[in-house]
Protein backbone atom coordinates (compact mmCIF):
# COMPACT_ATOMS: atom_id res chain seq x y z
CA MET A 1 254.12 -65.46 -10.38
CA VAL A 2 257.17 -65.40 -12.65
CA CYS A 3 259.22 -67.35 -10.10
CA ARG A 4 256.48 -69.98 -9.71
CA GLU A 5 256.19 -70.34 -13.51
CA TRP A 6 259.96 -70.64 -13.87
CA ARG A 7 260.16 -73.25 -11.10
CA ALA A 8 257.36 -75.31 -12.67
CA LEU A 9 259.13 -75.16 -16.02
CA ALA A 10 262.57 -75.97 -14.63
CA SER A 11 261.28 -78.88 -12.53
CA ASN A 12 260.58 -80.83 -15.73
CA ASP A 13 264.21 -80.60 -16.86
CA ALA A 14 266.67 -83.26 -15.70
CA VAL A 15 269.48 -80.90 -14.76
CA TRP A 16 267.47 -78.01 -13.36
CA GLY A 17 265.06 -80.34 -11.60
CA ALA A 18 267.88 -81.97 -9.71
CA LEU A 19 269.40 -78.60 -8.88
CA LEU A 20 266.15 -77.36 -7.36
CA GLN A 21 266.36 -80.13 -4.77
CA SER A 22 269.28 -78.27 -3.24
CA THR A 23 269.17 -74.75 -1.83
CA CYS A 24 272.64 -73.80 -3.04
CA VAL A 25 275.61 -74.98 -5.06
CA ASP A 26 279.21 -74.70 -3.88
CA ILE A 27 280.84 -74.47 -7.31
CA GLU A 28 284.45 -75.06 -6.27
CA LYS A 29 283.55 -77.97 -4.03
CA GLU A 30 281.35 -79.61 -6.66
CA ILE A 31 283.93 -79.25 -9.42
CA ASN A 32 287.09 -80.21 -7.51
CA SER A 33 285.85 -82.90 -5.17
CA ASP A 34 284.53 -86.41 -5.73
CA SER A 35 283.80 -86.96 -2.08
CA LYS A 36 280.03 -87.08 -2.44
CA LEU A 37 280.15 -89.72 -5.12
CA GLN A 38 282.73 -91.73 -3.20
CA THR A 39 280.79 -91.74 0.07
CA ALA A 40 277.31 -92.09 -1.37
CA ASP A 41 275.37 -95.26 -0.77
CA PRO A 42 275.84 -97.26 -4.02
CA THR A 43 272.25 -98.51 -3.74
CA ASP A 44 270.90 -94.95 -3.50
CA GLN A 45 270.67 -93.99 -7.19
CA SER A 46 268.83 -90.73 -6.44
CA SER A 47 271.73 -89.51 -4.32
CA ILE A 48 274.20 -90.29 -7.09
CA SER A 49 271.98 -88.67 -9.71
CA VAL A 50 271.41 -85.51 -7.72
CA SER A 51 275.09 -85.16 -6.87
CA ARG A 52 276.09 -85.74 -10.52
CA ASN A 53 273.57 -83.20 -11.80
CA LYS A 54 274.73 -80.65 -9.26
CA ARG A 55 278.29 -81.14 -10.43
CA ILE A 56 277.20 -80.81 -14.06
CA TYR A 57 275.38 -77.60 -13.26
CA ALA A 58 278.30 -76.23 -11.28
CA ALA A 59 280.70 -76.78 -14.16
CA TRP A 60 278.21 -75.39 -16.67
CA HIS A 61 277.45 -72.40 -14.47
CA GLN A 62 281.12 -71.52 -14.25
CA ARG A 63 281.66 -71.88 -18.01
CA TYR A 64 278.40 -70.21 -19.11
CA TYR A 65 277.69 -67.77 -16.32
CA GLY A 66 274.84 -65.45 -17.27
CA PHE A 67 273.00 -67.88 -19.57
CA THR A 68 270.27 -68.82 -17.10
CA ASP A 69 267.70 -66.32 -18.43
CA SER A 70 268.41 -67.36 -22.01
CA TYR A 71 268.05 -71.03 -21.07
CA THR A 72 264.61 -70.49 -19.58
CA ARG A 73 263.41 -68.20 -22.38
CA MET A 74 264.56 -70.42 -25.24
CA ARG A 75 263.35 -73.60 -23.57
CA ARG A 76 259.86 -72.15 -23.26
CA ALA A 77 259.93 -71.16 -26.95
CA ILE A 78 261.19 -74.60 -28.02
CA LEU A 79 258.50 -76.39 -25.99
CA ARG A 80 255.83 -74.27 -27.71
CA LEU A 81 257.38 -74.91 -31.11
CA GLU A 82 257.54 -78.67 -30.54
CA SER A 83 253.95 -78.82 -29.33
CA TRP A 84 252.73 -76.81 -32.32
CA ALA A 85 254.80 -78.76 -34.86
CA SER A 86 253.63 -82.12 -33.49
CA ALA A 87 250.02 -81.09 -34.13
CA ASN A 88 250.41 -79.07 -37.34
CA CYS A 89 253.66 -79.93 -39.12
CA GLU A 90 254.93 -83.41 -38.35
CA PRO A 91 257.71 -83.35 -41.02
CA LEU A 92 259.12 -80.22 -39.37
CA MET A 93 259.11 -81.94 -36.00
CA GLN A 94 260.91 -84.94 -37.47
CA SER A 95 263.50 -82.70 -39.12
CA LEU A 96 264.67 -81.07 -35.86
CA ALA A 97 268.07 -82.52 -34.98
CA PRO A 98 269.02 -83.53 -31.42
CA GLY A 99 270.44 -80.70 -29.36
CA LEU A 100 274.13 -80.23 -28.59
CA ALA A 101 273.43 -80.66 -24.84
CA TRP A 102 276.58 -78.81 -23.91
CA MET A 103 275.52 -78.55 -20.29
CA GLU A 104 276.99 -82.04 -19.91
CA TYR A 105 280.01 -81.84 -22.21
CA GLU A 106 281.51 -79.65 -24.90
CA THR A 107 281.52 -81.46 -28.25
CA MET A 108 283.21 -80.43 -31.48
CA PRO A 109 279.98 -78.79 -32.81
CA VAL A 110 279.84 -76.71 -29.62
CA ARG A 111 283.41 -75.53 -30.08
CA GLU A 112 282.65 -74.75 -33.74
CA LEU A 113 279.57 -72.76 -32.74
CA LEU A 114 281.41 -70.80 -30.08
CA GLY A 115 284.13 -70.12 -32.61
CA VAL A 116 281.81 -68.02 -34.79
CA VAL A 117 279.49 -66.55 -32.14
CA SER A 118 280.69 -63.92 -29.71
CA ASP A 119 279.82 -64.53 -26.07
CA SER A 120 277.75 -61.38 -25.55
CA PRO A 121 274.44 -60.98 -23.70
CA ALA A 122 272.61 -60.29 -26.97
CA MET A 123 273.83 -63.57 -28.54
CA ARG A 124 273.20 -65.90 -25.61
CA ASP A 125 269.69 -66.73 -26.82
CA PHE A 126 271.22 -67.83 -30.13
CA ILE A 127 273.89 -69.96 -28.46
CA ILE A 128 271.60 -71.68 -25.98
CA LEU A 129 269.03 -72.50 -28.67
CA TYR A 130 271.47 -75.05 -30.08
CA HIS A 131 271.47 -76.79 -26.71
CA PHE A 132 267.91 -77.93 -27.49
CA HIS A 133 268.11 -78.57 -31.25
CA ASP A 134 271.11 -78.47 -33.58
CA GLY A 135 269.12 -77.01 -36.44
CA GLN A 136 267.28 -79.15 -39.00
CA ARG A 137 268.51 -82.34 -40.62
CA ARG A 138 269.65 -81.67 -44.20
CA ARG A 139 267.97 -84.67 -45.75
CA GLN A 140 266.22 -84.31 -49.09
CA ARG A 141 262.78 -85.20 -47.75
CA TYR A 142 262.94 -82.43 -45.14
CA LEU A 143 264.06 -79.57 -47.44
CA PRO A 144 260.51 -78.31 -48.25
CA TYR A 145 259.72 -78.01 -44.53
CA GLY A 146 261.99 -75.13 -43.58
CA LEU A 147 261.34 -73.83 -40.08
CA PHE A 148 261.33 -70.21 -41.26
CA GLY A 149 258.81 -70.70 -44.05
CA SER A 150 258.52 -71.41 -47.76
CA TYR A 151 257.07 -69.93 -50.94
CA GLU A 152 256.92 -70.72 -54.65
CA CYS A 153 257.25 -67.84 -57.13
CA TYR A 154 257.30 -68.29 -60.92
CA GLY A 155 258.38 -71.90 -60.51
CA GLU A 156 261.15 -71.16 -58.00
CA PHE A 157 260.64 -72.87 -54.65
CA CYS A 158 262.25 -71.30 -51.58
CA SER A 159 262.36 -72.94 -48.16
CA LEU A 160 264.39 -71.44 -45.30
CA SER A 161 265.87 -74.28 -43.25
CA TRP A 162 267.51 -73.79 -39.85
CA LEU A 163 271.21 -74.63 -40.27
CA SER A 164 273.06 -76.97 -37.92
CA SER A 165 276.10 -75.71 -36.01
CA ARG A 166 278.43 -77.41 -38.54
CA MET A 167 276.80 -75.53 -41.45
CA LEU A 168 276.76 -72.00 -40.02
CA GLN A 169 278.33 -69.59 -42.48
CA VAL A 170 280.01 -66.24 -41.91
CA ILE A 171 279.95 -63.86 -44.90
CA ASN A 172 280.97 -60.25 -45.46
CA MET A 173 278.65 -57.77 -47.15
CA GLY A 174 280.32 -54.42 -47.37
CA LYS A 175 280.73 -53.08 -43.85
CA VAL A 176 278.59 -55.84 -42.32
CA ARG A 177 279.65 -59.32 -41.22
CA LEU A 178 276.78 -61.82 -41.11
CA LEU A 179 276.37 -65.19 -39.44
CA ILE A 180 273.96 -67.13 -41.70
CA PHE A 181 271.74 -69.45 -39.66
CA ALA A 182 268.88 -70.12 -42.12
CA TRP A 183 269.41 -70.89 -45.80
CA CYS A 184 267.67 -72.05 -48.98
CA HIS A 185 270.03 -73.94 -51.28
CA THR A 186 267.98 -73.23 -54.43
CA SER A 187 267.05 -69.53 -54.12
CA ARG A 188 270.01 -68.53 -51.90
CA ASN A 189 267.59 -66.70 -49.64
CA TYR A 190 268.76 -66.53 -46.04
CA LEU A 191 268.46 -65.12 -42.53
CA GLY A 192 271.58 -63.83 -40.78
CA VAL A 193 272.71 -62.27 -37.52
CA VAL A 194 274.99 -59.22 -37.66
CA ILE A 195 278.14 -60.17 -35.73
CA ASP A 196 280.24 -57.20 -36.80
CA CYS A 197 279.57 -53.84 -38.45
CA ALA A 198 280.87 -50.29 -38.72
CA ALA A 199 280.95 -48.29 -35.50
CA ALA A 200 278.18 -46.00 -36.77
CA HIS A 201 275.73 -48.94 -36.90
CA ILE A 202 276.66 -50.86 -33.74
CA ASN A 203 273.96 -49.38 -31.49
CA HIS A 204 271.04 -50.22 -33.78
CA LEU A 205 272.27 -53.16 -35.88
CA LEU A 206 274.77 -55.36 -34.02
CA HIS A 207 273.36 -58.84 -33.20
CA HIS A 208 270.13 -58.14 -35.08
CA VAL A 209 268.55 -60.61 -37.49
CA ILE A 210 268.47 -59.12 -40.99
CA GLN A 211 267.90 -59.98 -44.63
CA MET A 212 270.23 -57.97 -46.86
CA GLN A 213 270.14 -57.47 -50.62
CA PRO A 214 273.59 -58.17 -52.16
CA GLN A 215 275.37 -55.28 -53.88
CA SER A 216 272.87 -52.60 -52.83
CA TYR A 217 273.11 -53.42 -49.08
CA ARG A 218 269.41 -52.76 -48.55
CA PHE A 219 268.08 -54.75 -45.62
CA VAL A 220 265.11 -55.50 -43.38
CA ASP A 221 265.78 -55.49 -39.63
CA LYS A 222 263.94 -58.20 -37.67
CA GLY A 223 265.35 -57.29 -34.22
CA LEU A 224 267.61 -59.12 -31.77
CA PHE A 225 267.71 -62.87 -32.32
CA GLY A 226 265.96 -63.85 -29.08
CA ASP A 227 263.08 -61.43 -29.72
CA PHE A 228 262.85 -62.54 -33.35
CA PHE A 229 262.70 -66.26 -32.51
CA VAL A 230 260.23 -65.96 -29.64
CA ASN A 231 257.95 -63.67 -31.69
CA TYR A 232 258.13 -66.03 -34.67
CA VAL A 233 257.10 -69.03 -32.55
CA ASP A 234 254.25 -66.95 -31.13
CA GLU A 235 253.13 -66.17 -34.71
CA LEU A 236 253.14 -69.87 -35.63
CA VAL A 237 251.15 -70.86 -32.55
CA SER A 238 248.61 -68.04 -33.08
CA GLY A 239 248.01 -69.06 -36.72
CA SER A 240 249.67 -66.03 -38.32
CA HIS A 241 251.27 -68.27 -40.96
CA ASP A 242 249.21 -70.64 -43.11
CA VAL A 243 250.29 -74.29 -43.17
CA HIS A 244 249.44 -76.29 -46.30
CA ASP A 245 250.45 -79.96 -46.57
CA GLY A 246 252.79 -79.43 -43.64
CA ILE A 247 254.62 -76.53 -45.35
CA ILE A 248 254.73 -73.19 -43.51
CA SER A 249 254.03 -70.13 -45.64
CA MET A 250 256.79 -67.54 -45.32
CA PHE A 251 254.15 -64.84 -45.79
CA PRO A 252 252.19 -63.96 -42.63
CA ASN A 253 248.42 -63.66 -43.00
CA ARG A 254 248.07 -60.81 -40.53
CA GLY A 255 250.12 -57.92 -39.18
CA PRO A 256 252.14 -55.22 -41.01
CA HIS A 257 252.22 -55.35 -44.82
CA THR A 258 249.18 -57.62 -44.98
CA ASN A 259 245.50 -56.97 -45.67
CA THR A 260 242.26 -58.94 -45.97
CA SER A 261 238.87 -58.43 -47.60
CA ILE A 262 235.75 -60.62 -47.79
CA SER A 263 233.31 -60.38 -50.69
CA HIS A 264 230.87 -62.79 -52.39
CA GLY A 265 231.73 -65.47 -49.84
CA ILE A 266 235.45 -65.39 -50.72
CA ARG A 267 238.17 -64.20 -48.38
CA THR A 268 241.13 -62.53 -50.12
CA THR A 269 244.38 -62.04 -48.20
CA VAL A 270 247.44 -60.23 -49.52
CA SER A 271 250.88 -60.19 -47.90
CA ALA A 272 254.14 -58.59 -49.06
CA MET A 273 257.80 -58.91 -48.11
CA PHE A 274 261.16 -57.50 -49.17
CA CYS A 275 263.08 -59.74 -51.56
CA THR A 276 266.83 -60.38 -51.26
CA ASP A 277 267.22 -60.15 -55.02
CA GLU A 278 270.62 -59.59 -56.60
CA THR A 279 269.40 -56.68 -58.73
CA PRO A 280 271.21 -53.64 -57.27
CA ARG A 281 269.20 -50.91 -59.03
CA PHE A 282 265.71 -51.69 -57.75
CA HIS A 283 263.75 -52.34 -54.60
CA VAL A 284 262.34 -55.83 -55.23
CA TYR A 285 259.40 -57.37 -53.37
CA ARG A 286 257.37 -60.57 -53.43
CA TYR A 287 253.70 -60.64 -52.63
CA GLU A 288 251.29 -63.50 -52.05
CA VAL A 289 247.54 -63.44 -52.69
CA THR A 290 245.37 -66.12 -51.08
CA PHE A 291 241.75 -66.88 -52.01
CA GLU A 292 239.55 -68.99 -49.76
CA LEU A 293 235.93 -69.89 -50.48
CA LEU A 294 234.05 -69.41 -47.22
CA SER A 295 230.46 -69.82 -48.44
CA ALA A 296 229.15 -71.15 -51.76
CA HIS A 297 225.74 -69.86 -50.66
CA LEU A 298 227.01 -66.25 -50.57
CA LEU A 299 228.87 -66.84 -53.82
CA GLY A 300 225.60 -67.94 -55.41
CA CYS A 301 227.06 -71.00 -57.15
CA PRO A 302 229.42 -73.90 -56.36
CA SER A 303 232.48 -72.33 -58.02
CA ALA A 304 234.08 -69.25 -59.59
CA GLN A 305 237.05 -68.79 -61.94
CA ILE A 306 239.60 -65.99 -62.10
CA LYS A 307 239.40 -64.09 -65.39
CA SER A 308 241.75 -61.12 -65.03
CA ARG A 309 243.47 -58.70 -62.67
CA ARG A 310 243.80 -54.92 -62.33
CA TRP A 311 246.48 -53.20 -60.25
CA LEU A 312 247.05 -49.65 -59.07
CA LEU A 313 250.72 -49.16 -58.09
CA HIS A 314 251.67 -46.30 -55.79
CA TYR A 315 255.11 -44.70 -56.15
CA ALA A 316 257.04 -42.01 -54.29
CA ASN A 317 256.17 -38.34 -54.95
CA ASN A 318 252.47 -39.27 -55.25
CA GLU A 319 252.99 -40.94 -58.64
CA TYR A 320 250.95 -43.99 -59.59
CA ALA A 321 250.53 -46.42 -62.49
CA HIS A 322 247.99 -48.96 -63.71
CA SER A 323 248.79 -52.55 -64.55
CA GLY A 324 246.85 -55.71 -65.30
CA GLY A 325 246.29 -58.69 -67.53
CA ALA A 326 244.53 -61.99 -68.02
CA GLY A 327 244.52 -64.50 -65.17
CA VAL A 328 247.21 -64.56 -62.48
CA VAL A 329 250.80 -65.79 -63.08
CA GLY A 330 249.60 -67.29 -66.36
CA GLN A 331 246.83 -69.36 -64.74
CA PHE A 332 243.04 -69.20 -64.54
CA PRO A 333 242.31 -71.11 -61.32
CA ILE A 334 238.85 -72.24 -60.25
CA ILE A 335 237.81 -71.90 -56.60
CA SER A 336 235.09 -74.36 -55.58
CA ASN A 337 233.72 -76.42 -52.73
CA ASP A 338 236.10 -79.21 -53.74
CA GLU A 339 239.11 -76.85 -54.07
CA PRO A 340 238.26 -73.90 -51.80
CA TYR A 341 241.82 -72.65 -51.40
CA TYR A 342 244.18 -71.10 -53.95
CA ARG A 343 247.22 -68.87 -53.56
CA TYR A 344 249.90 -67.51 -55.84
CA CYS A 345 253.11 -65.53 -55.44
CA ALA A 346 254.50 -62.83 -57.74
CA ARG A 347 256.96 -59.95 -57.57
CA LEU A 348 257.09 -56.16 -57.81
CA GLN A 349 259.98 -53.77 -58.33
CA ASP A 350 260.70 -50.09 -58.93
CA GLU A 351 260.15 -48.53 -62.33
CA ASP A 352 263.05 -48.42 -64.78
CA THR A 353 262.84 -44.64 -64.59
CA GLY A 354 263.85 -44.83 -60.92
CA MET A 355 260.47 -44.21 -59.27
CA MET A 356 260.36 -46.16 -56.00
CA ILE A 357 257.26 -48.27 -55.43
CA LEU A 358 255.63 -47.89 -52.01
CA ALA A 359 252.27 -49.70 -52.09
CA PHE A 360 249.73 -51.43 -54.31
CA GLU A 361 246.03 -52.27 -54.51
CA GLY A 362 243.72 -53.74 -57.10
CA GLN A 363 240.92 -56.04 -58.14
CA ILE A 364 240.59 -59.65 -59.27
CA ILE A 365 237.81 -60.16 -61.83
CA MET A 366 235.90 -63.41 -61.27
CA VAL A 367 233.32 -65.31 -63.32
CA PRO A 368 230.69 -67.38 -61.46
CA GLY A 369 230.89 -71.01 -62.55
CA SER A 370 233.69 -71.04 -65.13
CA LEU A 371 234.92 -69.09 -68.14
CA ASP A 372 233.47 -71.75 -70.44
CA ARG A 373 230.14 -71.97 -68.61
CA PRO A 374 229.41 -68.74 -66.73
CA GLN A 375 226.53 -68.89 -64.28
CA GLY A 376 226.06 -65.17 -63.73
CA PRO A 377 227.58 -61.72 -64.26
CA GLU A 378 231.24 -61.04 -63.53
CA PHE A 379 232.19 -59.64 -60.15
CA SER A 380 235.39 -58.30 -58.60
CA LEU A 381 237.32 -59.11 -55.43
CA ASP A 382 239.11 -56.15 -53.89
CA ILE A 383 242.82 -56.35 -53.10
CA PRO A 384 243.06 -53.78 -50.29
CA TYR A 385 245.71 -51.06 -50.22
CA THR A 386 248.89 -52.73 -48.95
CA GLU A 387 252.11 -50.93 -48.05
CA LEU A 388 255.42 -52.55 -48.96
CA PRO A 389 258.17 -53.11 -46.35
CA VAL A 390 260.59 -50.53 -47.78
CA PRO A 391 264.05 -51.63 -46.60
CA MET A 392 266.69 -49.57 -44.86
CA GLU A 393 270.04 -48.98 -46.51
CA ILE A 394 273.61 -48.93 -45.27
CA ILE A 395 275.30 -45.88 -46.74
């Protein structure tokens, strides 16, 4: 079954499709001899094309031996991404730059990419991905449509764009050397691959995608790049990330560190992530709360307005604290049939006393109708208990 699926996939590619017409490839003969092209019937274009593609593959196979599995895996992921983006996020699709296509020739961007990426089995998925797309175009109109998601928190907009091969950055953070492949120019948020680290961390950290907090060296491990990218595309296709006006939410709506409740015809979803903040003393997190009106009939009126919030924060050593206030992030939004969707982003961090925050839960107090013209008694929407993604630390 796997072989049949691979053959069907490869048959649609110009190079692999031509190769499949032959049962074998004599690498030395194809590279060092022009006899087939010289003796071919000049009117037989298929013969010339097949021979040329075989020669291209032979040269590529010799230079990039061992990349065949990565080629197939990343091509399948890219095809799924392109299909999804065409239907759900057209600006993202337009922002994807043409691939480096190094199976035909080695350009300067290819040499630059190979100069910062080690040729190891774990990094081949990363390298071959640039064969299909050389990141995203860095034009102003595409900046909000970062492939790896966006959020807005207290007026700061963050969008993680996929960097082209010319813009890849290598930075040192303590004992870790990172290759930055996704970057937000305003918030300085990023995604990076560990390309070098201390011997004690090689087995569990080398070539993994991580987000690391400067100074404190706390980080979240997202796994090997190939696994991370394929899983992320699967999440997009399955609807695990909301898309609003073509912008992908960085916060997943399902999975670890998320939770959902439905009450009074309103669905409330909360999602939390570690924040690469420059504050070294605290664990810092961002969380997003999304409200969606599912049924005005169950709500009992056409709209409802947020009045206040109450939080219960859980800390280490079974400590907890209460928090709250009017509205959310200084606003009192109305959810209605005309505007059934509202979300906001805020942040959490450890207490000044040093207590480490682990989880949170709470309630949002709503007024049917509006605060000025209430149409019934107040009610509350539960924010379910949600654990925070406590990062690991490099000691």
